[in-house]
PDB file of N, CA and C in Angstrom:
ATOM      1  N   MET A   1       0.851  -1.172   0.000  1.00  0.00           N
ATOM      2  CA  MET A   1       0.000   0.000   0.000  1.00  0.00           C
ATOM      3  C   MET A   1       0.892   1.228   0.000  1.00  0.00           C
ATOM      4  N   ASP A   2       0.480   2.224  -0.717  1.00  0.00           N
ATOM      5  CA  ASP A   2       1.276   3.436  -0.918  1.00  0.00           C
ATOM      6  C   ASP A   2       1.074   4.412   0.244  1.00  0.00           C
ATOM      7  N   ILE A   3       1.701   4.101   1.377  1.00  0.00           N
ATOM      8  CA  ILE A   3       1.640   4.985   2.545  1.00  0.00           C
ATOM      9  C   ILE A   3       3.067   5.241   3.000  1.00  0.00           C
ATOM     10  N   VAL A   4       3.403   6.502   3.160  1.00  0.00           N
ATOM     11  CA  VAL A   4       4.714   6.881   3.654  1.00  0.00           C
ATOM     12  C   VAL A   4       4.497   7.732   4.893  1.00  0.00           C
ATOM     13  N   ILE A   5       5.149   7.346   5.981  1.00  0.00           N
ATOM     14  CA  ILE A   5       5.030   8.088   7.237  1.00  0.00           C
ATOM     15  C   ILE A   5       6.185   9.070   7.338  1.00  0.00           C
ATOM     16  N   ASP A   6       5.834  10.322   7.585  1.00  0.00           N
ATOM     17  CA  ASP A   6       6.836  11.370   7.783  1.00  0.00           C
ATOM     18  C   ASP A   6       7.043  11.525   9.281  1.00  0.00           C
ATOM     19  N   ALA A   7       8.135  10.955   9.780  1.00  0.00           N
ATOM     20  CA  ALA A   7       8.420  10.976  11.223  1.00  0.00           C
ATOM     21  C   ALA A   7       8.622  12.400  11.742  1.00  0.00           C
ATOM     22  N   GLY A   8       9.033  13.318  10.887  1.00  0.00           N
ATOM     23  CA  GLY A   8       9.265  14.697  11.306  1.00  0.00           C
ATOM     24  C   GLY A   8       8.030  15.580  11.238  1.00  0.00           C
ATOM     25  N   SER A   9       6.929  15.025  10.794  1.00  0.00           N
ATOM     26  CA  SER A   9       5.702  15.807  10.637  1.00  0.00           C
ATOM     27  C   SER A   9       5.048  16.080  11.985  1.00  0.00           C
ATOM     28  N   ALA A  10       4.361  17.213  12.060  1.00  0.00           N
ATOM     29  CA  ALA A  10       3.589  17.534  13.258  1.00  0.00           C
ATOM     30  C   ALA A  10       2.302  16.713  13.315  1.00  0.00           C
ATOM     31  N   VAL A  11       1.945  16.098  12.185  1.00  0.00           N
ATOM     32  CA  VAL A  11       0.739  15.264  12.112  1.00  0.00           C
ATOM     33  C   VAL A  11       1.076  13.892  12.684  1.00  0.00           C
ATOM     34  N   ALA A  12       0.250  13.437  13.610  1.00  0.00           N
ATOM     35  CA  ALA A  12       0.476  12.143  14.256  1.00  0.00           C
ATOM     36  C   ALA A  12       0.483  11.014  13.231  1.00  0.00           C
ATOM     37  N   PRO A  13       1.296   9.985  13.452  1.00  0.00           N
ATOM     38  CA  PRO A  13       1.367   8.877  12.496  1.00  0.00           C
ATOM     39  C   PRO A  13       0.013   8.216  12.213  1.00  0.00           C
ATOM     40  N   TYR A  14      -0.832   8.027  13.238  1.00  0.00           N
ATOM     41  CA  TYR A  14      -2.133   7.401  12.988  1.00  0.00           C
ATOM     42  C   TYR A  14      -2.962   8.257  12.034  1.00  0.00           C
ATOM     43  N   GLU A  15      -2.821   9.589  12.150  1.00  0.00           N
ATOM     44  CA  GLU A  15      -3.570  10.500  11.288  1.00  0.00           C
ATOM     45  C   GLU A  15      -3.026  10.457   9.859  1.00  0.00           C
ATOM     46  N   GLN A  16      -1.724  10.286   9.716  1.00  0.00           N
ATOM     47  CA  GLN A  16      -1.134  10.147   8.387  1.00  0.00           C
ATOM     48  C   GLN A  16      -1.660   8.878   7.711  1.00  0.00           C
ATOM     49  N   VAL A  17      -1.759   7.790   8.463  1.00  0.00           N
ATOM     50  CA  VAL A  17      -2.276   6.527   7.929  1.00  0.00           C
ATOM     51  C   VAL A  17      -3.746   6.698   7.557  1.00  0.00           C
ATOM     52  N   ARG A  18      -4.522   7.263   8.474  1.00  0.00           N
ATOM     53  CA  ARG A  18      -5.957   7.448   8.246  1.00  0.00           C
ATOM     54  C   ARG A  18      -6.203   8.303   7.011  1.00  0.00           C
ATOM     55  N   THR A  19      -5.505   9.417   6.910  1.00  0.00           N
ATOM     56  CA  THR A  19      -5.687  10.335   5.798  1.00  0.00           C
ATOM     57  C   THR A  19      -5.298   9.683   4.467  1.00  0.00           C
ATOM     58  N   ARG A  20      -4.188   8.955   4.463  1.00  0.00           N
ATOM     59  CA  ARG A  20      -3.715   8.358   3.218  1.00  0.00           C
ATOM     60  C   ARG A  20      -4.669   7.269   2.723  1.00  0.00           C
ATOM     61  N   ILE A  21      -5.190   6.443   3.633  1.00  0.00           N
ATOM     62  CA  ILE A  21      -6.141   5.403   3.228  1.00  0.00           C
ATOM     63  C   ILE A  21      -7.410   6.061   2.666  1.00  0.00           C
ATOM     64  N   ALA A  22      -7.883   7.110   3.331  1.00  0.00           N
ATOM     65  CA  ALA A  22      -9.067   7.829   2.835  1.00  0.00           C
ATOM     66  C   ALA A  22      -8.801   8.412   1.453  1.00  0.00           C
ATOM     67  N   GLU A  23      -7.607   8.968   1.233  1.00  0.00           N
ATOM     68  CA  GLU A  23      -7.250   9.529  -0.077  1.00  0.00           C
ATOM     69  C   GLU A  23      -7.208   8.447  -1.145  1.00  0.00           C
ATOM     70  N   LEU A  24      -6.579   7.313  -0.831  1.00  0.00           N
ATOM     71  CA  LEU A  24      -6.473   6.220  -1.802  1.00  0.00           C
ATOM     72  C   LEU A  24      -7.855   5.696  -2.199  1.00  0.00           C
ATOM     73  N   ALA A  25      -8.771   5.656  -1.236  1.00  0.00           N
ATOM     74  CA  ALA A  25     -10.134   5.212  -1.539  1.00  0.00           C
ATOM     75  C   ALA A  25     -10.843   6.249  -2.410  1.00  0.00           C
ATOM     76  N   ALA A  26     -10.722   7.518  -2.056  1.00  0.00           N
ATOM     77  CA  ALA A  26     -11.388   8.576  -2.811  1.00  0.00           C
ATOM     78  C   ALA A  26     -10.862   8.667  -4.242  1.00  0.00           C
ATOM     79  N   GLU A  27      -9.574   8.359  -4.430  1.00  0.00           N
ATOM     80  CA  GLU A  27      -8.968   8.407  -5.763  1.00  0.00           C
ATOM     81  C   GLU A  27      -9.308   7.176  -6.596  1.00  0.00           C
ATOM     82  N   GLY A  28      -9.908   6.182  -5.961  1.00  0.00           N
ATOM     83  CA  GLY A  28     -10.247   4.959  -6.685  1.00  0.00           C
ATOM     84  C   GLY A  28      -9.151   3.922  -6.691  1.00  0.00           C
ATOM     85  N   VAL A  29      -8.033   4.214  -6.051  1.00  0.00           N
ATOM     86  CA  VAL A  29      -6.940   3.242  -5.963  1.00  0.00           C
ATOM     87  C   VAL A  29      -7.385   2.057  -5.109  1.00  0.00           C
ATOM     88  N   LEU A  30      -8.121   2.347  -4.043  1.00  0.00           N
ATOM     89  CA  LEU A  30      -8.719   1.307  -3.205  1.00  0.00           C
ATOM     90  C   LEU A  30     -10.217   1.317  -3.483  1.00  0.00           C
ATOM     91  N   ALA A  31     -10.669   0.351  -4.249  1.00  0.00           N
ATOM     92  CA  ALA A  31     -12.086   0.279  -4.616  1.00  0.00           C
ATOM     93  C   ALA A  31     -12.916  -0.233  -3.450  1.00  0.00           C
ATOM     94  N   ALA A  32     -14.214  -0.005  -3.536  1.00  0.00           N
ATOM     95  CA  ALA A  32     -15.139  -0.536  -2.527  1.00  0.00           C
ATOM     96  C   ALA A  32     -14.966  -2.043  -2.454  1.00  0.00           C
ATOM     97  N   GLY A  33     -14.871  -2.543  -1.227  1.00  0.00           N
ATOM     98  CA  GLY A  33     -14.700  -3.981  -1.023  1.00  0.00           C
ATOM     99  C   GLY A  33     -13.253  -4.416  -0.911  1.00  0.00           C
ATOM    100  N   THR A  34     -12.319  -3.507  -1.184  1.00  0.00           N
ATOM    101  CA  THR A  34     -10.902  -3.853  -1.072  1.00  0.00           C
ATOM    102  C   THR A  34     -10.573  -4.141   0.384  1.00  0.00           C
ATOM    103  N   ARG A  35      -9.879  -5.242   0.599  1.00  0.00           N
ATOM    104  CA  ARG A  35      -9.483  -5.633   1.954  1.00  0.00           C
ATOM    105  C   ARG A  35      -8.173  -4.948   2.308  1.00  0.00           C
ATOM    106  N   LEU A  36      -8.165  -4.251   3.434  1.00  0.00           N
ATOM    107  CA  LEU A  36      -6.942  -3.615   3.913  1.00  0.00           C
ATOM    108  C   LEU A  36      -6.055  -4.663   4.568  1.00  0.00           C
ATOM    109  N   PRO A  37      -4.750  -4.409   4.615  1.00  0.00           N
ATOM    110  CA  PRO A  37      -3.864  -5.360   5.291  1.00  0.00           C
ATOM    111  C   PRO A  37      -4.241  -5.461   6.773  1.00  0.00           C
ATOM    112  N   PRO A  38      -3.988  -6.614   7.387  1.00  0.00           N
ATOM    113  CA  PRO A  38      -4.215  -6.717   8.828  1.00  0.00           C
ATOM    114  C   PRO A  38      -3.401  -5.650   9.566  1.00  0.00           C
ATOM    115  N   VAL A  39      -3.901  -5.231  10.690  1.00  0.00           N
ATOM    116  CA  VAL A  39      -3.258  -4.167  11.472  1.00  0.00           C
ATOM    117  C   VAL A  39      -1.787  -4.457  11.706  1.00  0.00           C
ATOM    118  N   ARG A  40      -1.482  -5.651  12.190  1.00  0.00           N
ATOM    119  CA  ARG A  40      -0.076  -5.969  12.505  1.00  0.00           C
ATOM    120  C   ARG A  40       0.808  -5.952  11.260  1.00  0.00           C
ATOM    121  N   ALA A  41       0.274  -6.430  10.145  1.00  0.00           N
ATOM    122  CA  ALA A  41       1.062  -6.461   8.907  1.00  0.00           C
ATOM    123  C   ALA A  41       1.367  -5.045   8.426  1.00  0.00           C
ATOM    124  N   LEU A  42       0.360  -4.179   8.424  1.00  0.00           N
ATOM    125  CA  LEU A  42       0.587  -2.803   7.984  1.00  0.00           C
ATOM    126  C   LEU A  42       1.503  -2.063   8.952  1.00  0.00           C
ATOM    127  N   ALA A  43       1.331  -2.315  10.236  1.00  0.00           N
ATOM    128  CA  ALA A  43       2.202  -1.680  11.240  1.00  0.00           C
ATOM    129  C   ALA A  43       3.659  -2.086  11.008  1.00  0.00           C
ATOM    130  N   ALA A  44       3.898  -3.361  10.766  1.00  0.00           N
ATOM    131  CA  ALA A  44       5.264  -3.833  10.509  1.00  0.00           C
ATOM    132  C   ALA A  44       5.831  -3.207   9.241  1.00  0.00           C
ATOM    133  N   GLU A  45       5.002  -3.139   8.207  1.00  0.00           N
ATOM    134  CA  GLU A  45       5.435  -2.559   6.926  1.00  0.00           C
ATOM    135  C   GLU A  45       5.822  -1.090   7.081  1.00  0.00           C
ATOM    136  N   LEU A  46       5.070  -0.369   7.920  1.00  0.00           N
ATOM    137  CA  LEU A  46       5.301   1.067   8.085  1.00  0.00           C
ATOM    138  C   LEU A  46       6.261   1.399   9.232  1.00  0.00           C
ATOM    139  N   GLY A  47       6.631   0.395  10.011  1.00  0.00           N
ATOM    140  CA  GLY A  47       7.513   0.641  11.160  1.00  0.00           C
ATOM    141  C   GLY A  47       6.802   1.354  12.292  1.00  0.00           C
ATOM    142  N   LEU A  48       5.513   1.048  12.461  1.00  0.00           N
ATOM    143  CA  LEU A  48       4.698   1.671  13.505  1.00  0.00           C
ATOM    144  C   LEU A  48       4.235   0.626  14.511  1.00  0.00           C
ATOM    145  N   ALA A  49       3.761   1.087  15.632  1.00  0.00           N
ATOM    146  CA  ALA A  49       3.149   0.193  16.612  1.00  0.00           C
ATOM    147  C   ALA A  49       1.785  -0.240  16.093  1.00  0.00           C
ATOM    148  N   ALA A  50       1.395  -1.452  16.414  1.00  0.00           N
ATOM    149  CA  ALA A  50       0.098  -1.974  15.975  1.00  0.00           C
ATOM    150  C   ALA A  50      -1.041  -1.084  16.460  1.00  0.00           C
ATOM    151  N   ASN A  51      -0.923  -0.543  17.667  1.00  0.00           N
ATOM    152  CA  ASN A  51      -1.983   0.325  18.200  1.00  0.00           C
ATOM    153  C   ASN A  51      -2.159   1.594  17.368  1.00  0.00           C
ATOM    154  N   THR A  52      -1.092   2.063  16.734  1.00  0.00           N
ATOM    155  CA  THR A  52      -1.175   3.256  15.899  1.00  0.00           C
ATOM    156  C   THR A  52      -2.042   2.977  14.670  1.00  0.00           C
ATOM    157  N   VAL A  53      -1.795   1.851  14.007  1.00  0.00           N
ATOM    158  CA  VAL A  53      -2.582   1.482  12.837  1.00  0.00           C
ATOM    159  C   VAL A  53      -4.007   1.133  13.254  1.00  0.00           C
ATOM    160  N   ALA A  54      -4.157   0.465  14.391  1.00  0.00           N
ATOM    161  CA  ALA A  54      -5.494   0.114  14.888  1.00  0.00           C
ATOM    162  C   ALA A  54      -6.313   1.377  15.121  1.00  0.00           C
ATOM    163  N   ARG A  55      -5.691   2.415  15.648  1.00  0.00           N
ATOM    164  CA  ARG A  55      -6.413   3.680  15.871  1.00  0.00           C
ATOM    165  C   ARG A  55      -6.850   4.290  14.541  1.00  0.00           C
ATOM    166  N   ALA A  56      -5.980   4.248  13.537  1.00  0.00           N
ATOM    167  CA  ALA A  56      -6.340   4.768  12.215  1.00  0.00           C
ATOM    168  C   ALA A  56      -7.537   3.999  11.651  1.00  0.00           C
ATOM    169  N   TYR A  57      -7.511   2.674  11.762  1.00  0.00           N
ATOM    170  CA  TYR A  57      -8.618   1.852  11.276  1.00  0.00           C
ATOM    171  C   TYR A  57      -9.907   2.161  12.044  1.00  0.00           C
ATOM    172  N   ARG A  58      -9.803   2.330  13.367  1.00  0.00           N
ATOM    173  CA  ARG A  58     -10.997   2.658  14.175  1.00  0.00           C
ATOM    174  C   ARG A  58     -11.606   3.973  13.732  1.00  0.00           C
ATOM    175  N   GLU A  59     -10.762   4.959  13.502  1.00  0.00           N
ATOM    176  CA  GLU A  59     -11.278   6.267  13.088  1.00  0.00           C
ATOM    177  C   GLU A  59     -11.887   6.209  11.685  1.00  0.00           C
ATOM    178  N   LEU A  60     -11.285   5.425  10.803  1.00  0.00           N
ATOM    179  CA  LEU A  60     -11.866   5.234   9.472  1.00  0.00           C
ATOM    180  C   LEU A  60     -13.226   4.544   9.589  1.00  0.00           C
ATOM    181  N   GLU A  61     -13.332   3.586  10.500  1.00  0.00           N
ATOM    182  CA  GLU A  61     -14.601   2.879  10.693  1.00  0.00           C
ATOM    183  C   GLU A  61     -15.660   3.816  11.272  1.00  0.00           C
ATOM    184  N   GLN A  62     -15.283   4.637  12.234  1.00  0.00           N
ATOM    185  CA  GLN A  62     -16.227   5.588  12.820  1.00  0.00           C
ATOM    186  C   GLN A  62     -16.735   6.583  11.782  1.00  0.00           C
ATOM    187  N   ALA A  63     -15.902   6.894  10.795  1.00  0.00           N
ATOM    188  CA  ALA A  63     -16.293   7.822   9.733  1.00  0.00           C
ATOM    189  C   ALA A  63     -17.077   7.126   8.623  1.00  0.00           C
ATOM    190  N   GLY A  64     -17.212   5.802   8.712  1.00  0.00           N
ATOM    191  CA  GLY A  64     -17.957   5.057   7.705  1.00  0.00           C
ATOM    192  C   GLY A  64     -17.169   4.773   6.439  1.00  0.00           C
ATOM    193  N   LEU A  65     -15.852   4.892   6.517  1.00  0.00           N
ATOM    194  CA  LEU A  65     -15.018   4.684   5.336  1.00  0.00           C
ATOM    195  C   LEU A  65     -14.530   3.247   5.196  1.00  0.00           C
ATOM    196  N   VAL A  66     -14.527   2.505   6.299  1.00  0.00           N
ATOM    197  CA  VAL A  66     -14.187   1.082   6.266  1.00  0.00           C
ATOM    198  C   VAL A  66     -15.169   0.337   7.170  1.00  0.00           C
ATOM    199  N   GLU A  67     -15.265  -0.965   6.943  1.00  0.00           N
ATOM    200  CA  GLU A  67     -16.060  -1.835   7.804  1.00  0.00           C
ATOM    201  C   GLU A  67     -15.169  -2.999   8.212  1.00  0.00           C
ATOM    202  N   THR A  68     -15.257  -3.386   9.472  1.00  0.00           N
ATOM    203  CA  THR A  68     -14.484  -4.512   9.960  1.00  0.00           C
ATOM    204  C   THR A  68     -15.404  -5.711  10.073  1.00  0.00           C
ATOM    205  N   HIS A  69     -14.957  -6.825   9.499  1.00  0.00           N
ATOM    206  CA  HIS A  69     -15.759  -8.047   9.464  1.00  0.00           C
ATOM    207  C   HIS A  69     -15.006  -9.206  10.112  1.00  0.00           C
ATOM    208  N   GLY A  70     -14.491  -9.004  11.298  1.00  0.00           N
ATOM    209  CA  GLY A  70     -13.796 -10.068  12.015  1.00  0.00           C
ATOM    210  C   GLY A  70     -12.691 -10.687  11.183  1.00  0.00           C
ATOM    211  N   ARG A  71     -12.780 -12.018  10.995  1.00  0.00           N
ATOM    212  CA  ARG A  71     -11.736 -12.728  10.244  1.00  0.00           C
ATOM    213  C   ARG A  71     -11.699 -12.343   8.771  1.00  0.00           C
ATOM    214  N   ALA A  72     -12.795 -11.801   8.255  1.00  0.00           N
ATOM    215  CA  ALA A  72     -12.831 -11.384   6.851  1.00  0.00           C
ATOM    216  C   ALA A  72     -12.026 -10.106   6.635  1.00  0.00           C
ATOM    217  N   GLY A  73     -11.673  -9.430   7.716  1.00  0.00           N
ATOM    218  CA  GLY A  73     -10.817  -8.262   7.620  1.00  0.00           C
ATOM    219  C   GLY A  73     -11.551  -6.937   7.573  1.00  0.00           C
ATOM    220  N   THR A  74     -10.791  -5.919   7.266  1.00  0.00           N
ATOM    221  CA  THR A  74     -11.295  -4.547   7.185  1.00  0.00           C
ATOM    222  C   THR A  74     -11.395  -4.174   5.716  1.00  0.00           C
ATOM    223  N   LEU A  75     -12.595  -3.755   5.314  1.00  0.00           N
ATOM    224  CA  LEU A  75     -12.878  -3.495   3.906  1.00  0.00           C
ATOM    225  C   LEU A  75     -13.240  -2.035   3.669  1.00  0.00           C
ATOM    226  N   ILE A  76     -12.818  -1.518   2.520  1.00  0.00           N
ATOM    227  CA  ILE A  76     -13.196  -0.167   2.099  1.00  0.00           C
ATOM    228  C   ILE A  76     -14.694  -0.175   1.787  1.00  0.00           C
ATOM    229  N   THR A  77     -15.412   0.831   2.249  1.00  0.00           N
ATOM    230  CA  THR A  77     -16.851   0.914   1.986  1.00  0.00           C
ATOM    231  C   THR A  77     -17.124   1.622   0.666  1.00  0.00           C
ATOM    232  N   ALA A  78     -18.338   1.439   0.181  1.00  0.00           N
ATOM    233  CA  ALA A  78     -18.760   2.124  -1.044  1.00  0.00           C
ATOM    234  C   ALA A  78     -18.719   3.637  -0.835  1.00  0.00           C
ATOM    235  N   ARG A  79     -19.056   4.067   0.357  1.00  0.00           N
ATOM    236  CA  ARG A  79     -19.042   5.499   0.662  1.00  0.00           C
ATOM    237  C   ARG A  79     -17.643   6.078   0.493  1.00  0.00           C
ATOM    238  N   ALA A  80     -16.642   5.372   0.984  1.00  0.00           N
ATOM    239  CA  ALA A  80     -15.261   5.854   0.891  1.00  0.00           C
ATOM    240  C   ALA A  80     -14.801   5.904  -0.553  1.00  0.00           C
ATOM    241  N   ALA A  81     -15.226   4.930  -1.338  1.00  0.00           N
ATOM    242  CA  ALA A  81     -14.787   4.835  -2.724  1.00  0.00           C
ATOM    243  C   ALA A  81     -15.655   5.658  -3.668  1.00  0.00           C
ATOM    244  N   GLY A  82     -16.705   6.280  -3.139  1.00  0.00           N
ATOM    245  CA  GLY A  82     -17.578   7.083  -3.978  1.00  0.00           C
ATOM    246  C   GLY A  82     -18.471   6.233  -4.872  1.00  0.00           C
ATOM    247  N   THR A  83     -18.645   4.967  -4.512  1.00  0.00           N
ATOM    248  CA  THR A  83     -19.511   4.075  -5.269  1.00  0.00           C
ATOM    249  C   THR A  83     -20.891   4.094  -4.636  1.00  0.00           C
ATOM    250  N   PRO A  84     -21.941   4.362  -5.408  1.00  0.00           N
ATOM    251  CA  PRO A  84     -23.283   4.359  -4.824  1.00  0.00           C
ATOM    252  C   PRO A  84     -23.592   3.001  -4.175  1.00  0.00           C
ATOM    253  N   ALA A  85     -24.249   3.036  -3.060  1.00  0.00           N
ATOM    254  CA  ALA A  85     -24.580   1.807  -2.332  1.00  0.00           C
ATOM    255  C   ALA A  85     -25.412   0.862  -3.187  1.00  0.00           C
ATOM    256  N   GLU A  86     -26.319   1.392  -3.999  1.00  0.00           N
ATOM    257  CA  GLU A  86     -27.154   0.532  -4.844  1.00  0.00           C
ATOM    258  C   GLU A  86     -26.302  -0.203  -5.875  1.00  0.00           C
ATOM    259  N   ALA A  87     -25.265   0.450  -6.385  1.00  0.00           N
ATOM    260  CA  ALA A  87     -24.374  -0.208  -7.349  1.00  0.00           C
ATOM    261  C   ALA A  87     -23.638  -1.363  -6.677  1.00  0.00           C
ATOM    262  N   GLN A  88     -23.229  -1.155  -5.441  1.00  0.00           N
ATOM    263  CA  GLN A  88     -22.542  -2.227  -4.725  1.00  0.00           C
ATOM    264  C   GLN A  88     -23.500  -3.394  -4.461  1.00  0.00           C
ATOM    265  N   ARG A  89     -24.749  -3.083  -4.107  1.00  0.00           N
ATOM    266  CA  ARG A  89     -25.733  -4.157  -3.875  1.00  0.00           C
ATOM    267  C   ARG A  89     -26.007  -4.912  -5.170  1.00  0.00           C
ATOM    268  N   ALA A  90     -26.091  -4.199  -6.286  1.00  0.00           N
ATOM    269  CA  ALA A  90     -26.333  -4.849  -7.577  1.00  0.00           C
ATOM    270  C   ALA A  90     -25.167  -5.772  -7.935  1.00  0.00           C
ATOM    271  N   ALA A  91     -23.957  -5.317  -7.658  1.00  0.00           N
ATOM    272  CA  ALA A  91     -22.783  -6.145  -7.941  1.00  0.00           C
ATOM    273  C   ALA A  91     -22.794  -7.407  -7.077  1.00  0.00           C
ATOM    274  N   ARG A  92     -23.171  -7.248  -5.836  1.00  0.00           N
ATOM    275  CA  ARG A  92     -23.237  -8.404  -4.930  1.00  0.00           C
ATOM    276  C   ARG A  92     -24.295  -9.404  -5.411  1.00  0.00           C
ATOM    277  N   ARG A  93     -25.453  -8.886  -5.840  1.00  0.00           N
ATOM    278  CA  ARG A  93     -26.516  -9.772  -6.356  1.00  0.00           C
ATOM    279  C   ARG A  93     -26.038 -10.513  -7.597  1.00  0.00           C
ATOM    280  N   TYR A  94     -25.366  -9.797  -8.491  1.00  0.00           N
ATOM    281  CA  TYR A  94     -24.851 -10.421  -9.706  1.00  0.00           C
ATOM    282  C   TYR A  94     -23.856 -11.533  -9.350  1.00  0.00           C
ATOM    283  N   ALA A  95     -22.956 -11.242  -8.428  1.00  0.00           N
ATOM    284  CA  ALA A  95     -21.957 -12.239  -8.031  1.00  0.00           C
ATOM    285  C   ALA A  95     -22.634 -13.483  -7.458  1.00  0.00           C
ATOM    286  N   GLU A  96     -23.655 -13.279  -6.646  1.00  0.00           N
ATOM    287  CA  GLU A  96     -24.379 -14.416  -6.065  1.00  0.00           C
ATOM    288  C   GLU A  96     -25.082 -15.228  -7.147  1.00  0.00           C
ATOM    289  N   GLN A  97     -25.707 -14.544  -8.107  1.00  0.00           N
ATOM    290  CA  GLN A  97     -26.410 -15.237  -9.189  1.00  0.00           C
ATOM    291  C   GLN A  97     -25.437 -15.982 -10.094  1.00  0.00           C
ATOM    292  N   ALA A  98     -24.312 -15.350 -10.413  1.00  0.00           N
ATOM    293  CA  ALA A  98     -23.316 -15.996 -11.272  1.00  0.00           C
ATOM    294  C   ALA A  98     -22.769 -17.246 -10.587  1.00  0.00           C
ATOM    295  N   THR A  99     -22.508 -17.154  -9.303  1.00  0.00           N
ATOM    296  CA  THR A  99     -22.022 -18.305  -8.551  1.00  0.00           C
ATOM    297  C   THR A  99     -23.059 -19.417  -8.546  1.00  0.00           C
ATOM    298  N   ALA A 100     -24.320 -19.065  -8.322  1.00  0.00           N
ATOM    299  CA  ALA A 100     -25.404 -20.064  -8.307  1.00  0.00           C
ATOM    300  C   ALA A 100     -25.548 -20.758  -9.662  1.00  0.00           C
ATOM    301  N   LEU A 101     -25.230 -20.044 -10.736  1.00  0.00           N
ATOM    302  CA  LEU A 101     -25.317 -20.624 -12.077  1.00  0.00           C
ATOM    303  C   LEU A 101     -24.062 -21.399 -12.472  1.00  0.00           C
ATOM    304  N   GLY A 102     -23.059 -21.387 -11.603  1.00  0.00           N
ATOM    305  CA  GLY A 102     -21.825 -22.114 -11.886  1.00  0.00           C
ATOM    306  C   GLY A 102     -20.864 -21.370 -12.803  1.00  0.00           C
ATOM    307  N   VAL A 103     -21.047 -20.066 -12.936  1.00  0.00           N
ATOM    308  CA  VAL A 103     -20.170 -19.253 -13.778  1.00  0.00           C
ATOM    309  C   VAL A 103     -18.906 -18.935 -12.976  1.00  0.00           C
ATOM    310  N   SER A 104     -17.749 -19.125 -13.599  1.00  0.00           N
ATOM    311  CA  SER A 104     -16.490 -18.834 -12.901  1.00  0.00           C
ATOM    312  C   SER A 104     -16.361 -17.323 -12.679  1.00  0.00           C
ATOM    313  N   PRO A 105     -15.603 -16.923 -11.664  1.00  0.00           N
ATOM    314  CA  PRO A 105     -15.402 -15.485 -11.441  1.00  0.00           C
ATOM    315  C   PRO A 105     -14.837 -14.776 -12.669  1.00  0.00           C
ATOM    316  N   GLN A 106     -13.875 -15.397 -13.336  1.00  0.00           N
ATOM    317  CA  GLN A 106     -13.291 -14.763 -14.516  1.00  0.00           C
ATOM    318  C   GLN A 106     -14.331 -14.606 -15.626  1.00  0.00           C
ATOM    319  N   ALA A 107     -15.151 -15.638 -15.855  1.00  0.00           N
ATOM    320  CA  ALA A 107     -16.189 -15.550 -16.884  1.00  0.00           C
ATOM    321  C   ALA A 107     -17.229 -14.493 -16.513  1.00  0.00           C
ATOM    322  N   ALA A 108     -17.574 -14.401 -15.232  1.00  0.00           N
ATOM    323  CA  ALA A 108     -18.545 -13.404 -14.783  1.00  0.00           C
ATOM    324  C   ALA A 108     -18.025 -11.998 -15.052  1.00  0.00           C
ATOM    325  N   LEU A 109     -16.738 -11.769 -14.775  1.00  0.00           N
ATOM    326  CA  LEU A 109     -16.149 -10.457 -15.036  1.00  0.00           C
ATOM    327  C   LEU A 109     -16.132 -10.151 -16.528  1.00  0.00           C
ATOM    328  N   GLU A 110     -15.836 -11.140 -17.354  1.00  0.00           N
ATOM    329  CA  GLU A 110     -15.835 -10.930 -18.799  1.00  0.00           C
ATOM    330  C   GLU A 110     -17.234 -10.596 -19.307  1.00  0.00           C
ATOM    331  N   LEU A 111     -18.256 -11.236 -18.728  1.00  0.00           N
ATOM    332  CA  LEU A 111     -19.631 -10.925 -19.113  1.00  0.00           C
ATOM    333  C   LEU A 111     -19.972  -9.473 -18.793  1.00  0.00           C
ATOM    334  N   VAL A 112     -19.531  -9.019 -17.639  1.00  0.00           N
ATOM    335  CA  VAL A 112     -19.786  -7.621 -17.252  1.00  0.00           C
ATOM    336  C   VAL A 112     -19.036  -6.679 -18.187  1.00  0.00           C
ATOM    337  N   ARG A 113     -17.773  -6.974 -18.472  1.00  0.00           N
ATOM    338  CA  ARG A 113     -16.995  -6.123 -19.370  1.00  0.00           C
ATOM    339  C   ARG A 113     -17.679  -6.029 -20.742  1.00  0.00           C
ATOM    340  N   ALA A 114     -18.151  -7.163 -21.235  1.00  0.00           N
ATOM    341  CA  ALA A 114     -18.819  -7.177 -22.545  1.00  0.00           C
ATOM    342  C   ALA A 114     -20.105  -6.355 -22.486  1.00  0.00           C
ATOM    343  N   ALA A 115     -20.869  -6.497 -21.403  1.00  0.00           N
ATOM    344  CA  ALA A 115     -22.114  -5.755 -21.257  1.00  0.00           C
ATOM    345  C   ALA A 115     -21.853  -4.251 -21.174  1.00  0.00           C
ATOM    346  N   LEU A 116     -20.788  -3.843 -20.530  1.00  0.00           N
ATOM    347  CA  LEU A 116     -20.469  -2.417 -20.406  1.00  0.00           C
ATOM    348  C   LEU A 116     -20.028  -1.813 -21.735  1.00  0.00           C
ATOM    349  N   ARG A 117     -19.494  -2.622 -22.621  1.00  0.00           N
ATOM    350  CA  ARG A 117     -19.069  -2.121 -23.941  1.00  0.00           C
ATOM    351  C   ARG A 117     -20.261  -1.881 -24.862  1.00  0.00           C
ATOM    352  N   LEU A 118     -21.416  -2.440 -24.518  1.00  0.00           N
ATOM    353  CA  LEU A 118     -22.591  -2.303 -25.387  1.00  0.00           C
ATOM    354  C   LEU A 118     -23.180  -0.916 -25.321  1.00  0.00           C
TER     355      LEU A 118
END
């Protein structure tokens, strides 16, 4: 993930993490449904304490920009990514229907790409 912590900044490290994740989501780099790295993994990658990253994730969750789903991890929300909630629900319904019909994920994506070109 493209996050750089400026140790000399007056902005607290947790705030730098929180702001950067929000920016990446708003720019579309992190799409709705994207799973963020586990707290400990991101903390190790950035050279921060796990509690620092956990605080950033908590604040993102309080703002409605991420959702935590236990073992499924922390996911970017449609709100953070600027994706309408109805579009996300439609995508979820399509994925469920494609799976029920035995369509592979790759084939399902190709069907959507073809439909969007029409």
